[in-house]
Amino acid sequence: MDMFGAPLPTFNVRGEESVRTYTGGFVSIIIIYVAFLFASLKLQHLMSKHNPSVNIFKEEDAFDADDVWSGDEQDFFMAFAVADFVTGELKNDPRFVKYNAEYIHRVDGNNTLS
């Protein structure tokens, strides 16, 4: 059970192709025991939900009311398409893909939809 058995170059000793020692077998058993102990402790923590760490960060009011971007001022245009990931073929099937575009502009403080 020696995990550290060294292979012999081009010959064998008493029919064995690697040399194993009692020390290597003992160290192998200790390593397997420690790995099993660690895995069982981690499984126990997982099953008992010991010390769950859930981090949530929510920033309220990250932008001011003045931080509004208008595409009208920069002559902004946007286009997109739905394409197959593997072949790159466009997937513009009208049964499944619906396009919706709205243009909202402000006149005298009132939003209007065009």
C-alpha atoms as a PDB file:
ATOM      1  CA  MET A   1       0.000   0.000   0.000  1.00  0.00           C
ATOM      2  CA  ASP A   2       3.004   2.256  -0.471  1.00  0.00           C
ATOM      3  CA  MET A   3       1.997   5.252  -2.629  1.00  0.00           C
ATOM      4  CA  PHE A   4       5.676   6.201  -2.893  1.00  0.00           C
ATOM      5  CA  GLY A   5       6.982   2.978  -4.427  1.00  0.00           C
ATOM      6  CA  ALA A   6       9.822   3.864  -6.796  1.00  0.00           C
ATOM      7  CA  PRO A   7       9.870   2.109 -10.171  1.00  0.00           C
ATOM      8  CA  LEU A   8      13.039   0.255 -11.061  1.00  0.00           C
ATOM      9  CA  PRO A   9      14.820   1.209 -14.303  1.00  0.00           C
ATOM     10  CA  THR A  10      15.121  -1.875 -16.551  1.00  0.00           C
ATOM     11  CA  PHE A  11      15.015  -4.815 -14.167  1.00  0.00           C
ATOM     12  CA  ASN A  12      12.906  -6.185 -11.328  1.00  0.00           C
ATOM     13  CA  VAL A  13      13.577  -7.431  -7.805  1.00  0.00           C
ATOM     14  CA  ARG A  14      11.932 -10.776  -6.941  1.00  0.00           C
ATOM     15  CA  GLY A  15       9.342 -10.211  -9.693  1.00  0.00           C
ATOM     16  CA  GLU A  16       8.366  -6.717  -8.468  1.00  0.00           C
ATOM     17  CA  GLU A  17       8.700  -3.734 -10.796  1.00  0.00           C
ATOM     18  CA  SER A  18       8.803  -1.149  -7.978  1.00  0.00           C
ATOM     19  CA  VAL A  19      10.383  -1.030  -4.545  1.00  0.00           C
ATOM     20  CA  ARG A  20       8.043  -0.537  -1.579  1.00  0.00           C
ATOM     21  CA  THR A  21       9.047   0.086   2.032  1.00  0.00           C
ATOM     22  CA  TYR A  22       7.333  -0.102   5.411  1.00  0.00           C
ATOM     23  CA  THR A  23       8.012   3.616   5.949  1.00  0.00           C
ATOM     24  CA  GLY A  24       6.361   4.502   2.623  1.00  0.00           C
ATOM     25  CA  GLY A  25       3.361   2.333   3.503  1.00  0.00           C
ATOM     26  CA  PHE A  26       3.036   3.966   6.933  1.00  0.00           C
ATOM     27  CA  VAL A  27       3.240   7.482   5.451  1.00  0.00           C
ATOM     28  CA  SER A  28       0.687   6.492   2.811  1.00  0.00           C
ATOM     29  CA  ILE A  29      -1.754   5.307   5.493  1.00  0.00           C
ATOM     30  CA  ILE A  30      -1.269   8.561   7.477  1.00  0.00           C
ATOM     31  CA  ILE A  31      -1.907  10.692   4.370  1.00  0.00           C
ATOM     32  CA  ILE A  32      -5.059   8.741   3.495  1.00  0.00           C
ATOM     33  CA  TYR A  33      -6.303   9.017   7.111  1.00  0.00           C
ATOM     34  CA  VAL A  34      -5.714  12.801   7.259  1.00  0.00           C
ATOM     35  CA  ALA A  35      -7.417  13.331   3.879  1.00  0.00           C
ATOM     36  CA  PHE A  36     -10.409  11.224   4.972  1.00  0.00           C
ATOM     37  CA  LEU A  37     -10.618  13.102   8.298  1.00  0.00           C
ATOM     38  CA  PHE A  38     -10.514  16.484   6.550  1.00  0.00           C
ATOM     39  CA  ALA A  39     -13.161  15.438   4.004  1.00  0.00           C
ATOM     40  CA  SER A  40     -15.464  14.079   6.721  1.00  0.00           C
ATOM     41  CA  LEU A  41     -15.170  17.291   8.789  1.00  0.00           C
ATOM     42  CA  LYS A  42     -15.940  19.426   5.732  1.00  0.00           C
ATOM     43  CA  LEU A  43     -18.905  17.208   4.885  1.00  0.00           C
ATOM     44  CA  GLN A  44     -20.174  17.548   8.454  1.00  0.00           C
ATOM     45  CA  HIS A  45     -19.901  21.358   8.240  1.00  0.00           C
ATOM     46  CA  LEU A  46     -21.686  21.309   4.898  1.00  0.00           C
ATOM     47  CA  MET A  47     -24.540  19.135   6.160  1.00  0.00           C
ATOM     48  CA  SER A  48     -25.019  21.098   9.413  1.00  0.00           C
ATOM     49  CA  LYS A  49     -24.738  24.480   7.601  1.00  0.00           C
ATOM     50  CA  HIS A  50     -22.003  25.474  10.031  1.00  0.00           C
ATOM     51  CA  ASN A  51     -20.820  29.089   9.721  1.00  0.00           C
ATOM     52  CA  PRO A  52     -22.563  30.072   6.479  1.00  0.00           C
ATOM     53  CA  SER A  53     -21.065  33.157   4.907  1.00  0.00           C
ATOM     54  CA  VAL A  54     -23.432  35.179   2.742  1.00  0.00           C
ATOM     55  CA  ASN A  55     -22.350  38.645   1.716  1.00  0.00           C
ATOM     56  CA  ILE A  56     -24.807  41.203   0.401  1.00  0.00           C
ATOM     57  CA  PHE A  57     -23.931  44.725  -0.660  1.00  0.00           C
ATOM     58  CA  LYS A  58     -26.605  47.096  -1.836  1.00  0.00           C
ATOM     59  CA  GLU A  59     -25.874  50.712  -2.557  1.00  0.00           C
ATOM     60  CA  GLU A  60     -28.929  52.913  -2.390  1.00  0.00           C
ATOM     61  CA  ASP A  61     -29.119  56.060  -4.515  1.00  0.00           C
ATOM     62  CA  ALA A  62     -25.838  55.468  -6.304  1.00  0.00           C
ATOM     63  CA  PHE A  63     -26.678  58.125  -8.900  1.00  0.00           C
ATOM     64  CA  ASP A  64     -28.016  61.620  -8.399  1.00  0.00           C
ATOM     65  CA  ALA A  65     -31.073  62.921 -10.227  1.00  0.00           C
ATOM     66  CA  ASP A  66     -28.698  64.974 -12.404  1.00  0.00           C
ATOM     67  CA  ASP A  67     -26.878  61.841 -13.626  1.00  0.00           C
ATOM     68  CA  VAL A  68     -29.247  61.205 -16.542  1.00  0.00           C
ATOM     69  CA  TRP A  69     -27.773  60.233 -19.887  1.00  0.00           C
ATOM     70  CA  SER A  70     -29.530  61.320 -23.031  1.00  0.00           C
ATOM     71  CA  GLY A  71     -28.823  59.650 -26.336  1.00  0.00           C
ATOM     72  CA  ASP A  72     -30.341  62.569 -28.248  1.00  0.00           C
ATOM     73  CA  GLU A  73     -27.438  64.840 -27.430  1.00  0.00           C
ATOM     74  CA  GLN A  74     -24.806  62.390 -28.731  1.00  0.00           C
ATOM     75  CA  ASP A  75     -26.736  61.137 -31.813  1.00  0.00           C
ATOM     76  CA  PHE A  76     -26.839  57.675 -30.258  1.00  0.00           C
ATOM     77  CA  PHE A  77     -27.995  54.675 -32.282  1.00  0.00           C
ATOM     78  CA  MET A  78     -28.140  51.070 -31.153  1.00  0.00           C
ATOM     79  CA  ALA A  79     -28.596  47.832 -33.060  1.00  0.00           C
ATOM     80  CA  PHE A  80     -28.528  44.194 -31.978  1.00  0.00           C
ATOM     81  CA  ALA A  81     -29.298  40.751 -33.313  1.00  0.00           C
ATOM     82  CA  VAL A  82     -29.947  37.309 -31.884  1.00  0.00           C
ATOM     83  CA  ALA A  83     -27.414  34.810 -33.261  1.00  0.00           C
ATOM     84  CA  ASP A  84     -26.658  31.120 -32.749  1.00  0.00           C
ATOM     85  CA  PHE A  85     -23.589  30.660 -30.537  1.00  0.00           C
ATOM     86  CA  VAL A  86     -22.076  27.800 -32.544  1.00  0.00           C
ATOM     87  CA  THR A  87     -22.915  28.620 -36.160  1.00  0.00           C
ATOM     88  CA  GLY A  88     -23.340  32.399 -35.966  1.00  0.00           C
ATOM     89  CA  GLU A  89     -26.619  32.097 -37.900  1.00  0.00           C
ATOM     90  CA  LEU A  90     -29.124  34.877 -37.171  1.00  0.00           C
ATOM     91  CA  LYS A  91     -32.195  33.724 -35.238  1.00  0.00           C
ATOM     92  CA  ASN A  92     -34.773  36.321 -36.235  1.00  0.00           C
ATOM     93  CA  ASP A  93     -37.776  33.997 -36.138  1.00  0.00           C
ATOM     94  CA  PRO A  94     -40.872  36.212 -35.755  1.00  0.00           C
ATOM     95  CA  ARG A  95     -42.672  33.436 -33.855  1.00  0.00           C
ATOM     96  CA  PHE A  96     -40.184  33.718 -30.972  1.00  0.00           C
ATOM     97  CA  VAL A  97     -38.378  37.071 -31.244  1.00  0.00           C
ATOM     98  CA  LYS A  98     -40.371  40.247 -30.701  1.00  0.00           C
ATOM     99  CA  TYR A  99     -38.738  43.643 -31.094  1.00  0.00           C
ATOM    100  CA  ASN A 100     -40.025  46.627 -29.191  1.00  0.00           C
ATOM    101  CA  ALA A 101     -38.606  50.135 -29.442  1.00  0.00           C
ATOM    102  CA  GLU A 102     -39.875  53.291 -27.810  1.00  0.00           C
ATOM    103  CA  TYR A 103     -38.685  56.836 -27.970  1.00  0.00           C
ATOM    104  CA  ILE A 104     -39.462  59.009 -24.958  1.00  0.00           C
ATOM    105  CA  HIS A 105     -38.651  62.698 -24.975  1.00  0.00           C
ATOM    106  CA  ARG A 106     -39.317  65.495 -22.520  1.00  0.00           C
ATOM    107  CA  VAL A 107     -41.194  68.614 -23.536  1.00  0.00           C
ATOM    108  CA  ASP A 108     -41.714  71.328 -20.918  1.00  0.00           C
ATOM    109  CA  GLY A 109     -41.108  68.880 -18.084  1.00  0.00           C
ATOM    110  CA  ASN A 110     -43.561  66.269 -19.411  1.00  0.00           C
ATOM    111  CA  ASN A 111     -42.480  62.907 -20.830  1.00  0.00           C
ATOM    112  CA  THR A 112     -44.082  61.994 -24.140  1.00  0.00           C
ATOM    113  CA  LEU A 113     -43.925  58.728 -26.004  1.00  0.00           C
ATOM    114  CA  SER A 114     -43.373  58.918 -29.762  1.00  0.00           C
END
